[in-house]
């Protein structure tokens, strides 16, 4: 019997076709799994980006609050310093007035003594 080129048996062709179909099915399943993982990854990445954005916003809010509090403390320090200076000036004025009052009392007593001496 003469053979023409290759000696391929019909059952061998069937097995190869079945193996090819099986490999294609496996490939499709792997591609579907990869696509599902890609979609899940994209979702997680979007969620992380949203969280990161929120954190940046909160950080900015905290920086603004910190700056506002610092300004408030600075203003309070300035007010306290002015009040302390005013208090020191008022104390000095009180001391001067007390000295003036004491001097005037002495002068009054001296004048009173002179007046009494003149009457006698």
C-alpha atoms as a PDB file:
ATOM      1  CA  UNK A   1       0.000   0.000   0.000  1.00  0.00           C
ATOM      2  CA  UNK A   2       1.223   3.425  -0.867  1.00  0.00           C
ATOM      3  CA  UNK A   3       1.136   6.218   1.640  1.00  0.00           C
ATOM      4  CA  UNK A   4       0.824   9.850   0.776  1.00  0.00           C
ATOM      5  CA  UNK A   5       3.117  11.933   2.899  1.00  0.00           C
ATOM      6  CA  UNK A   6       1.921  11.634   6.470  1.00  0.00           C
ATOM      7  CA  UNK A   7       0.442   8.754   8.215  1.00  0.00           C
ATOM      8  CA  UNK A   8      -2.313  10.495  10.259  1.00  0.00           C
ATOM      9  CA  UNK A   9      -4.883   8.422  11.909  1.00  0.00           C
ATOM     10  CA  UNK A  10      -8.422   9.907  12.262  1.00  0.00           C
ATOM     11  CA  UNK A  11      -8.432   9.240  16.022  1.00  0.00           C
ATOM     12  CA  UNK A  12      -5.182  11.137  16.399  1.00  0.00           C
ATOM     13  CA  UNK A  13      -6.782  14.153  14.676  1.00  0.00           C
ATOM     14  CA  UNK A  14      -9.712  13.921  17.086  1.00  0.00           C
ATOM     15  CA  UNK A  15      -7.433  13.856  20.128  1.00  0.00           C
ATOM     16  CA  UNK A  16      -5.453  16.814  18.878  1.00  0.00           C
ATOM     17  CA  UNK A  17      -8.668  18.760  18.219  1.00  0.00           C
ATOM     18  CA  UNK A  18      -9.973  17.909  21.673  1.00  0.00           C
ATOM     19  CA  UNK A  19      -6.679  18.932  23.282  1.00  0.00           C
ATOM     20  CA  UNK A  20      -6.755  22.196  21.319  1.00  0.00           C
ATOM     21  CA  UNK A  21     -10.347  22.867  22.418  1.00  0.00           C
ATOM     22  CA  UNK A  22      -9.398  22.064  26.010  1.00  0.00           C
ATOM     23  CA  UNK A  23      -6.405  24.437  25.874  1.00  0.00           C
ATOM     24  CA  UNK A  24      -8.600  27.174  24.355  1.00  0.00           C
ATOM     25  CA  UNK A  25     -11.138  26.673  27.150  1.00  0.00           C
ATOM     26  CA  UNK A  26      -8.383  26.850  29.778  1.00  0.00           C
ATOM     27  CA  UNK A  27      -6.968  29.947  28.126  1.00  0.00           C
ATOM     28  CA  UNK A  28     -10.410  31.612  28.130  1.00  0.00           C
ATOM     29  CA  UNK A  29     -10.861  30.744  31.840  1.00  0.00           C
ATOM     30  CA  UNK A  30      -7.448  32.196  32.675  1.00  0.00           C
ATOM     31  CA  UNK A  31      -8.254  35.335  30.656  1.00  0.00           C
ATOM     32  CA  UNK A  32     -11.580  35.698  32.486  1.00  0.00           C
ATOM     33  CA  UNK A  33      -9.822  35.324  35.849  1.00  0.00           C
ATOM     34  CA  UNK A  34      -7.199  37.871  34.831  1.00  0.00           C
ATOM     35  CA  UNK A  35      -9.903  40.284  33.669  1.00  0.00           C
ATOM     36  CA  UNK A  36     -11.755  39.859  36.972  1.00  0.00           C
ATOM     37  CA  UNK A  37      -8.535  40.518  38.879  1.00  0.00           C
ATOM     38  CA  UNK A  38      -7.818  43.565  36.677  1.00  0.00           C
ATOM     39  CA  UNK A  39     -11.312  44.950  37.378  1.00  0.00           C
ATOM     40  CA  UNK A  40     -10.868  44.326  41.121  1.00  0.00           C
ATOM     41  CA  UNK A  41      -7.448  46.004  40.995  1.00  0.00           C
ATOM     42  CA  UNK A  42      -8.894  49.044  39.192  1.00  0.00           C
ATOM     43  CA  UNK A  43     -11.675  49.283  41.794  1.00  0.00           C
ATOM     44  CA  UNK A  44      -9.185  49.049  44.660  1.00  0.00           C
ATOM     45  CA  UNK A  45      -6.920  51.635  43.003  1.00  0.00           C
ATOM     46  CA  UNK A  46      -9.870  54.035  42.621  1.00  0.00           C
ATOM     47  CA  UNK A  47     -10.804  53.517  46.277  1.00  0.00           C
ATOM     48  CA  UNK A  48      -7.219  54.139  47.370  1.00  0.00           C
ATOM     49  CA  UNK A  49      -7.073  57.290  45.235  1.00  0.00           C
ATOM     50  CA  UNK A  50     -10.302  58.510  46.850  1.00  0.00           C
ATOM     51  CA  UNK A  51      -8.955  57.795  50.341  1.00  0.00           C
ATOM     52  CA  UNK A  52      -5.674  59.501  49.486  1.00  0.00           C
ATOM     53  CA  UNK A  53      -7.571  62.544  48.226  1.00  0.00           C
ATOM     54  CA  UNK A  54      -9.615  62.671  51.447  1.00  0.00           C
ATOM     55  CA  UNK A  55      -6.432  62.417  53.513  1.00  0.00           C
ATOM     56  CA  UNK A  56      -4.851  65.278  51.575  1.00  0.00           C
ATOM     57  CA  UNK A  57      -7.974  67.361  52.169  1.00  0.00           C
ATOM     58  CA  UNK A  58      -7.974  66.553  55.898  1.00  0.00           C
ATOM     59  CA  UNK A  59      -4.263  67.358  56.071  1.00  0.00           C
ATOM     60  CA  UNK A  60      -4.914  70.735  54.424  1.00  0.00           C
ATOM     61  CA  UNK A  61      -7.777  71.384  56.855  1.00  0.00           C
ATOM     62  CA  UNK A  62      -5.506  70.553  59.791  1.00  0.00           C
ATOM     63  CA  UNK A  63      -2.794  72.879  58.490  1.00  0.00           C
ATOM     64  CA  UNK A  64      -5.349  75.688  58.148  1.00  0.00           C
ATOM     65  CA  UNK A  65      -6.650  75.012  61.668  1.00  0.00           C
ATOM     66  CA  UNK A  66      -3.121  74.979  63.034  1.00  0.00           C
ATOM     67  CA  UNK A  67      -2.346  78.296  61.331  1.00  0.00           C
ATOM     68  CA  UNK A  68      -5.585  79.808  62.648  1.00  0.00           C
ATOM     69  CA  UNK A  69      -4.798  78.601  66.188  1.00  0.00           C
ATOM     70  CA  UNK A  70      -1.244  79.968  65.923  1.00  0.00           C
ATOM     71  CA  UNK A  71      -2.595  83.342  64.838  1.00  0.00           C
ATOM     72  CA  UNK A  72      -5.074  83.285  67.727  1.00  0.00           C
ATOM     73  CA  UNK A  73      -2.300  82.496  70.220  1.00  0.00           C
ATOM     74  CA  UNK A  74      -0.107  85.223  68.756  1.00  0.00           C
ATOM     75  CA  UNK A  75      -2.922  87.772  69.065  1.00  0.00           C
ATOM     76  CA  UNK A  76      -3.543  86.693  72.665  1.00  0.00           C
ATOM     77  CA  UNK A  77       0.166  87.084  73.448  1.00  0.00           C
ATOM     78  CA  UNK A  78       0.139  90.584  71.963  1.00  0.00           C
ATOM     79  CA  UNK A  79      -2.961  91.503  73.968  1.00  0.00           C
ATOM     80  CA  UNK A  80      -1.397  90.114  77.156  1.00  0.00           C
ATOM     81  CA  UNK A  81       1.821  92.052  76.520  1.00  0.00           C
ATOM     82  CA  UNK A  82      -0.097  95.296  75.961  1.00  0.00           C
ATOM     83  CA  UNK A  83      -2.161  94.666  79.110  1.00  0.00           C
ATOM     84  CA  UNK A  84       0.985  94.001  81.161  1.00  0.00           C
ATOM     85  CA  UNK A  85       2.589  97.197  79.835  1.00  0.00           C
ATOM     86  CA  UNK A  86      -0.569  99.183  80.621  1.00  0.00           C
ATOM     87  CA  UNK A  87      -0.681  97.639  84.105  1.00  0.00           C
ATOM     88  CA  UNK A  88       2.981  98.548  84.731  1.00  0.00           C
ATOM     89  CA  UNK A  89       2.329 102.146  83.615  1.00  0.00           C
ATOM     90  CA  UNK A  90      -0.735 102.368  85.847  1.00  0.00           C
ATOM     91  CA  UNK A  91       1.228 101.002  88.828  1.00  0.00           C
ATOM     92  CA  UNK A  92       3.948 103.564  88.216  1.00  0.00           C
ATOM     93  CA  UNK A  93       1.306 106.316  87.962  1.00  0.00           C
ATOM     94  CA  UNK A  94      -0.264 105.096  91.230  1.00  0.00           C
ATOM     95  CA  UNK A  95       3.148 105.216  92.930  1.00  0.00           C
ATOM     96  CA  UNK A  96       3.733 108.720  91.593  1.00  0.00           C
ATOM     97  CA  UNK A  97       0.272 109.809  92.754  1.00  0.00           C
ATOM     98  CA  UNK A  98       0.869 108.237  96.182  1.00  0.00           C
ATOM     99  CA  UNK A  99       4.188 110.098  96.415  1.00  0.00           C
ATOM    100  CA  UNK A 100       2.506 113.336  95.336  1.00  0.00           C
ATOM    101  CA  UNK A 101      -0.284 112.745  97.872  1.00  0.00           C
ATOM    102  CA  UNK A 102       2.225 112.094 100.641  1.00  0.00           C
ATOM    103  CA  UNK A 103       4.222 115.205  99.649  1.00  0.00           C
ATOM    104  CA  UNK A 104       1.043 117.310  99.568  1.00  0.00           C
ATOM    105  CA  UNK A 105      -0.003 115.946 102.980  1.00  0.00           C
ATOM    106  CA  UNK A 106       3.401 116.943 104.349  1.00  0.00           C
ATOM    107  CA  UNK A 107       3.084 120.365 102.785  1.00  0.00           C
ATOM    108  CA  UNK A 108      -0.426 120.726 104.189  1.00  0.00           C
ATOM    109  CA  UNK A 109       0.807 119.727 107.634  1.00  0.00           C
ATOM    110  CA  UNK A 110       3.679 122.209 107.329  1.00  0.00           C
ATOM    111  CA  UNK A 111       1.334 124.975 106.218  1.00  0.00           C
ATOM    112  CA  UNK A 112      -1.031 124.133 109.050  1.00  0.00           C
ATOM    113  CA  UNK A 113       1.856 124.272 111.503  1.00  0.00           C
ATOM    114  CA  UNK A 114       2.934 127.694 110.165  1.00  0.00           C
ATOM    115  CA  UNK A 115      -0.592 128.967 110.349  1.00  0.00           C
ATOM    116  CA  UNK A 116      -0.895 127.878 113.966  1.00  0.00           C
ATOM    117  CA  UNK A 117       2.466 129.422 114.743  1.00  0.00           C
ATOM    118  CA  UNK A 118       1.325 132.732 113.233  1.00  0.00           C
ATOM    119  CA  UNK A 119      -1.894 132.741 115.236  1.00  0.00           C
ATOM    120  CA  UNK A 120      -0.090 132.340 118.469  1.00  0.00           C
END
